[in-house]
Amino acid sequence: MNGMPSQRSSWLQAACARLLIVAVAISTGAAPFGSAQDKQDKKITQIAGVDNTRMGAFRALAELSYEAFQKGDNAKAAELARILEKTWDQGEWHNTSEGSYCKTNHSVCEAIDKSMDGFIKPILNYAKKAPNLSAVEAAYEEFLEKLRQGE
């Protein structure tokens, strides 16, 4: 075996990621998030640590990928980064239906997509070139900021 996930495994991971997004989208509850002013103005629901917002599942996948990267598990970090990329592409970026968030907020989604690429590319290419820790950390923080702008 070459260490690559099987097609069945990849399909299952993508399906699980989609289910996570659906579960987050339909859940309810309240937990504070953001700055002090945001906490007064906006309450964010969480289930199992995943924000119930438009960008919550993407943020959760990025966090899991980054945590694996920090622990030195580059294969797991890359796997999660790829799931993040596919989930974003299929769920938001390439959704051109009427009322699609990215169709009506193209510049925001373009910025999110670009920052996501900056975060995941070094992780996905870990086998060719060891990712620079500080560069990945900066790209991760930028990606999280762009996701906040998309809420």
C-alpha atoms as a PDB file:
ATOM      1  CA  MET A   1       0.000   0.000   0.000  1.00  0.00           C
ATOM      2  CA  ASN A   2       1.323   3.455  -0.851  1.00  0.00           C
ATOM      3  CA  GLY A   3      -0.059   5.294   2.197  1.00  0.00           C
ATOM      4  CA  MET A   4      -2.784   7.055   0.196  1.00  0.00           C
ATOM      5  CA  PRO A   5      -6.376   6.670   1.416  1.00  0.00           C
ATOM      6  CA  SER A   6      -8.559   4.388  -0.654  1.00  0.00           C
ATOM      7  CA  GLN A   7     -11.338   5.807  -2.789  1.00  0.00           C
ATOM      8  CA  ARG A   8     -13.893   4.358  -0.341  1.00  0.00           C
ATOM      9  CA  SER A   9     -12.090   6.010   2.583  1.00  0.00           C
ATOM     10  CA  SER A  10     -11.957   9.338   0.755  1.00  0.00           C
ATOM     11  CA  TRP A  11     -15.648   9.129  -0.080  1.00  0.00           C
ATOM     12  CA  LEU A  12     -16.471   8.297   3.537  1.00  0.00           C
ATOM     13  CA  GLN A  13     -14.409  11.219   4.836  1.00  0.00           C
ATOM     14  CA  ALA A  14     -16.084  13.611   2.394  1.00  0.00           C
ATOM     15  CA  ALA A  15     -19.513  12.294   3.397  1.00  0.00           C
ATOM     16  CA  CYS A  16     -18.674  12.741   7.086  1.00  0.00           C
ATOM     17  CA  ALA A  17     -17.502  16.293   6.444  1.00  0.00           C
ATOM     18  CA  ARG A  18     -20.763  17.064   4.635  1.00  0.00           C
ATOM     19  CA  LEU A  19     -22.781  15.575   7.488  1.00  0.00           C
ATOM     20  CA  LEU A  20     -20.825  17.741   9.917  1.00  0.00           C
ATOM     21  CA  ILE A  21     -21.752  20.830   7.924  1.00  0.00           C
ATOM     22  CA  VAL A  22     -25.427  19.834   7.816  1.00  0.00           C
ATOM     23  CA  ALA A  23     -25.493  19.091  11.543  1.00  0.00           C
ATOM     24  CA  VAL A  24     -23.900  22.434  12.313  1.00  0.00           C
ATOM     25  CA  ALA A  25     -26.299  24.247  10.001  1.00  0.00           C
ATOM     26  CA  ILE A  26     -29.455  22.886  11.653  1.00  0.00           C
ATOM     27  CA  SER A  27     -28.471  22.875  15.324  1.00  0.00           C
ATOM     28  CA  THR A  28     -29.455  25.423  17.994  1.00  0.00           C
ATOM     29  CA  GLY A  29     -28.149  26.745  21.357  1.00  0.00           C
ATOM     30  CA  ALA A  30     -25.961  29.691  22.472  1.00  0.00           C
ATOM     31  CA  ALA A  31     -22.324  30.373  23.371  1.00  0.00           C
ATOM     32  CA  PRO A  32     -20.419  33.683  23.162  1.00  0.00           C
ATOM     33  CA  PHE A  33     -17.843  34.263  20.398  1.00  0.00           C
ATOM     34  CA  GLY A  34     -15.605  37.063  19.181  1.00  0.00           C
ATOM     35  CA  SER A  35     -14.800  40.430  20.728  1.00  0.00           C
ATOM     36  CA  ALA A  36     -16.496  41.891  23.793  1.00  0.00           C
ATOM     37  CA  GLN A  37     -18.819  43.903  21.563  1.00  0.00           C
ATOM     38  CA  ASP A  38     -19.579  40.818  19.462  1.00  0.00           C
ATOM     39  CA  LYS A  39     -20.467  38.911  22.616  1.00  0.00           C
ATOM     40  CA  GLN A  40     -23.137  41.470  23.398  1.00  0.00           C
ATOM     41  CA  ASP A  41     -24.422  41.657  19.821  1.00  0.00           C
ATOM     42  CA  LYS A  42     -24.165  38.072  18.640  1.00  0.00           C
ATOM     43  CA  LYS A  43     -24.521  34.660  20.238  1.00  0.00           C
ATOM     44  CA  ILE A  44     -23.007  31.658  18.477  1.00  0.00           C
ATOM     45  CA  THR A  45     -24.278  28.137  18.983  1.00  0.00           C
ATOM     46  CA  GLN A  46     -21.821  25.300  19.302  1.00  0.00           C
ATOM     47  CA  ILE A  47     -22.227  21.564  19.205  1.00  0.00           C
ATOM     48  CA  ALA A  48     -19.219  19.459  20.138  1.00  0.00           C
ATOM     49  CA  GLY A  49     -16.991  22.529  19.834  1.00  0.00           C
ATOM     50  CA  VAL A  50     -18.086  23.406  16.288  1.00  0.00           C
ATOM     51  CA  ASP A  51     -19.639  26.836  15.777  1.00  0.00           C
ATOM     52  CA  ASN A  52     -23.134  26.789  14.322  1.00  0.00           C
ATOM     53  CA  THR A  53     -22.314  29.399  11.723  1.00  0.00           C
ATOM     54  CA  ARG A  54     -21.875  29.446   7.977  1.00  0.00           C
ATOM     55  CA  MET A  55     -18.106  29.095   8.412  1.00  0.00           C
ATOM     56  CA  GLY A  56     -18.030  26.997  11.609  1.00  0.00           C
ATOM     57  CA  ALA A  57     -17.395  23.618   9.997  1.00  0.00           C
ATOM     58  CA  PHE A  58     -14.612  25.051   7.825  1.00  0.00           C
ATOM     59  CA  ARG A  59     -13.009  26.611  10.895  1.00  0.00           C
ATOM     60  CA  ALA A  60     -13.284  23.294  12.786  1.00  0.00           C
ATOM     61  CA  LEU A  61     -11.601  21.374   9.968  1.00  0.00           C
ATOM     62  CA  ALA A  62      -8.838  23.993   9.790  1.00  0.00           C
ATOM     63  CA  GLU A  63      -8.333  23.750  13.564  1.00  0.00           C
ATOM     64  CA  LEU A  64      -8.078  19.957  13.430  1.00  0.00           C
ATOM     65  CA  SER A  65      -5.605  20.117  10.550  1.00  0.00           C
ATOM     66  CA  TYR A  66      -3.500  22.743  12.300  1.00  0.00           C
ATOM     67  CA  GLU A  67      -3.494  20.766  15.571  1.00  0.00           C
ATOM     68  CA  ALA A  68      -2.263  17.655  13.742  1.00  0.00           C
ATOM     69  CA  PHE A  69       0.408  19.767  12.023  1.00  0.00           C
ATOM     70  CA  GLN A  70       1.564  21.175  15.369  1.00  0.00           C
ATOM     71  CA  LYS A  71       1.851  17.639  16.761  1.00  0.00           C
ATOM     72  CA  GLY A  72       4.022  16.619  13.803  1.00  0.00           C
ATOM     73  CA  ASP A  73       1.386  14.333  12.260  1.00  0.00           C
ATOM     74  CA  ASN A  74       1.813  15.735   8.761  1.00  0.00           C
ATOM     75  CA  ALA A  75      -0.093  12.902   7.080  1.00  0.00           C
ATOM     76  CA  LYS A  76      -3.194  13.516   9.253  1.00  0.00           C
ATOM     77  CA  ALA A  77      -2.828  17.285   8.837  1.00  0.00           C
ATOM     78  CA  ALA A  78      -2.708  16.859   5.052  1.00  0.00           C
ATOM     79  CA  GLU A  79      -5.695  14.522   5.066  1.00  0.00           C
ATOM     80  CA  LEU A  80      -7.768  17.021   7.051  1.00  0.00           C
ATOM     81  CA  ALA A  81      -6.559  19.919   4.897  1.00  0.00           C
ATOM     82  CA  ARG A  82      -7.710  18.055   1.794  1.00  0.00           C
ATOM     83  CA  ILE A  83     -11.120  17.382   3.369  1.00  0.00           C
ATOM     84  CA  LEU A  84     -11.336  21.091   4.203  1.00  0.00           C
ATOM     85  CA  GLU A  85     -10.518  22.031   0.618  1.00  0.00           C
ATOM     86  CA  LYS A  86     -13.014  19.600  -0.928  1.00  0.00           C
ATOM     87  CA  THR A  87     -15.743  20.541   1.531  1.00  0.00           C
ATOM     88  CA  TRP A  88     -15.237  24.254   0.837  1.00  0.00           C
ATOM     89  CA  ASP A  89     -15.162  23.729  -2.924  1.00  0.00           C
ATOM     90  CA  GLN A  90     -18.270  21.559  -2.993  1.00  0.00           C
ATOM     91  CA  GLY A  91     -20.224  23.307  -0.265  1.00  0.00           C
ATOM     92  CA  GLU A  92     -19.595  26.996  -0.851  1.00  0.00           C
ATOM     93  CA  TRP A  93     -17.186  28.053  -3.537  1.00  0.00           C
ATOM     94  CA  HIS A  94     -18.608  26.142  -6.506  1.00  0.00           C
ATOM     95  CA  ASN A  95     -22.242  26.473  -5.409  1.00  0.00           C
ATOM     96  CA  THR A  96     -23.736  28.840  -7.976  1.00  0.00           C
ATOM     97  CA  SER A  97     -27.392  28.278  -7.133  1.00  0.00           C
ATOM     98  CA  GLU A  98     -29.688  31.231  -6.482  1.00  0.00           C
ATOM     99  CA  GLY A  99     -29.209  32.503  -2.977  1.00  0.00           C
ATOM    100  CA  SER A 100     -25.745  30.946  -2.664  1.00  0.00           C
ATOM    101  CA  TYR A 101     -23.590  32.859  -0.198  1.00  0.00           C
ATOM    102  CA  CYS A 102     -20.583  32.904  -2.518  1.00  0.00           C
ATOM    103  CA  LYS A 103     -22.663  33.957  -5.486  1.00  0.00           C
ATOM    104  CA  THR A 104     -23.854  37.038  -3.618  1.00  0.00           C
ATOM    105  CA  ASN A 105     -20.574  37.596  -1.690  1.00  0.00           C
ATOM    106  CA  HIS A 106     -18.020  36.657  -4.336  1.00  0.00           C
ATOM    107  CA  SER A 107     -15.210  38.906  -3.079  1.00  0.00           C
ATOM    108  CA  VAL A 108     -15.498  37.549   0.482  1.00  0.00           C
ATOM    109  CA  CYS A 109     -15.435  33.950  -0.750  1.00  0.00           C
ATOM    110  CA  GLU A 110     -12.554  34.690  -3.092  1.00  0.00           C
ATOM    111  CA  ALA A 111     -10.541  36.048  -0.148  1.00  0.00           C
ATOM    112  CA  ILE A 112     -11.433  33.001   1.961  1.00  0.00           C
ATOM    113  CA  ASP A 113     -10.454  30.636  -0.858  1.00  0.00           C
ATOM    114  CA  LYS A 114      -7.125  32.390  -1.404  1.00  0.00           C
ATOM    115  CA  SER A 115      -6.254  32.372   2.300  1.00  0.00           C
ATOM    116  CA  MET A 116      -7.310  28.722   2.599  1.00  0.00           C
ATOM    117  CA  ASP A 117      -4.950  27.846  -0.258  1.00  0.00           C
ATOM    118  CA  GLY A 118      -2.140  29.678   1.540  1.00  0.00           C
ATOM    119  CA  PHE A 119      -2.813  27.616   4.653  1.00  0.00           C
ATOM    120  CA  ILE A 120      -3.304  24.156   3.138  1.00  0.00           C
ATOM    121  CA  LYS A 121      -0.769  24.099   0.260  1.00  0.00           C
ATOM    122  CA  PRO A 122       2.342  23.739   2.470  1.00  0.00           C
ATOM    123  CA  ILE A 123       0.576  21.075   4.538  1.00  0.00           C
ATOM    124  CA  LEU A 124      -0.586  19.133   1.485  1.00  0.00           C
ATOM    125  CA  ASN A 125       2.935  19.214   0.026  1.00  0.00           C
ATOM    126  CA  TYR A 126       4.668  18.113   3.245  1.00  0.00           C
ATOM    127  CA  ALA A 127       6.237  15.053   1.551  1.00  0.00           C
ATOM    128  CA  LYS A 128       8.016  17.216  -1.044  1.00  0.00           C
ATOM    129  CA  LYS A 129       9.074  20.033   1.260  1.00  0.00           C
ATOM    130  CA  ALA A 130       8.832  20.339   5.028  1.00  0.00           C
ATOM    131  CA  PRO A 131       6.351  23.118   5.869  1.00  0.00           C
ATOM    132  CA  ASN A 132       7.702  26.196   7.652  1.00  0.00           C
ATOM    133  CA  LEU A 133       6.011  26.331  11.066  1.00  0.00           C
ATOM    134  CA  SER A 134       5.784  30.124  11.288  1.00  0.00           C
ATOM    135  CA  ALA A 135       4.522  30.466   7.702  1.00  0.00           C
ATOM    136  CA  VAL A 136       1.801  27.849   8.277  1.00  0.00           C
ATOM    137  CA  GLU A 137       0.834  29.506  11.566  1.00  0.00           C
ATOM    138  CA  ALA A 138       0.529  32.933   9.888  1.00  0.00           C
ATOM    139  CA  ALA A 139      -1.496  31.466   7.001  1.00  0.00           C
ATOM    140  CA  TYR A 140      -3.750  29.640   9.481  1.00  0.00           C
ATOM    141  CA  GLU A 141      -4.440  32.853  11.427  1.00  0.00           C
ATOM    142  CA  GLU A 142      -5.161  34.726   8.192  1.00  0.00           C
ATOM    143  CA  PHE A 143      -7.564  31.985   7.079  1.00  0.00           C
ATOM    144  CA  LEU A 144      -9.430  32.135  10.399  1.00  0.00           C
ATOM    145  CA  GLU A 145      -9.726  35.919  10.049  1.00  0.00           C
ATOM    146  CA  LYS A 146     -11.156  35.595   6.526  1.00  0.00           C
ATOM    147  CA  LEU A 147     -13.664  33.022   7.801  1.00  0.00           C
ATOM    148  CA  ARG A 148     -14.755  35.485  10.519  1.00  0.00           C
ATOM    149  CA  GLN A 149     -15.365  38.065   7.815  1.00  0.00           C
ATOM    150  CA  GLY A 150     -17.615  35.555   6.044  1.00  0.00           C
ATOM    151  CA  GLU A 151     -19.899  34.975   9.050  1.00  0.00           C
END
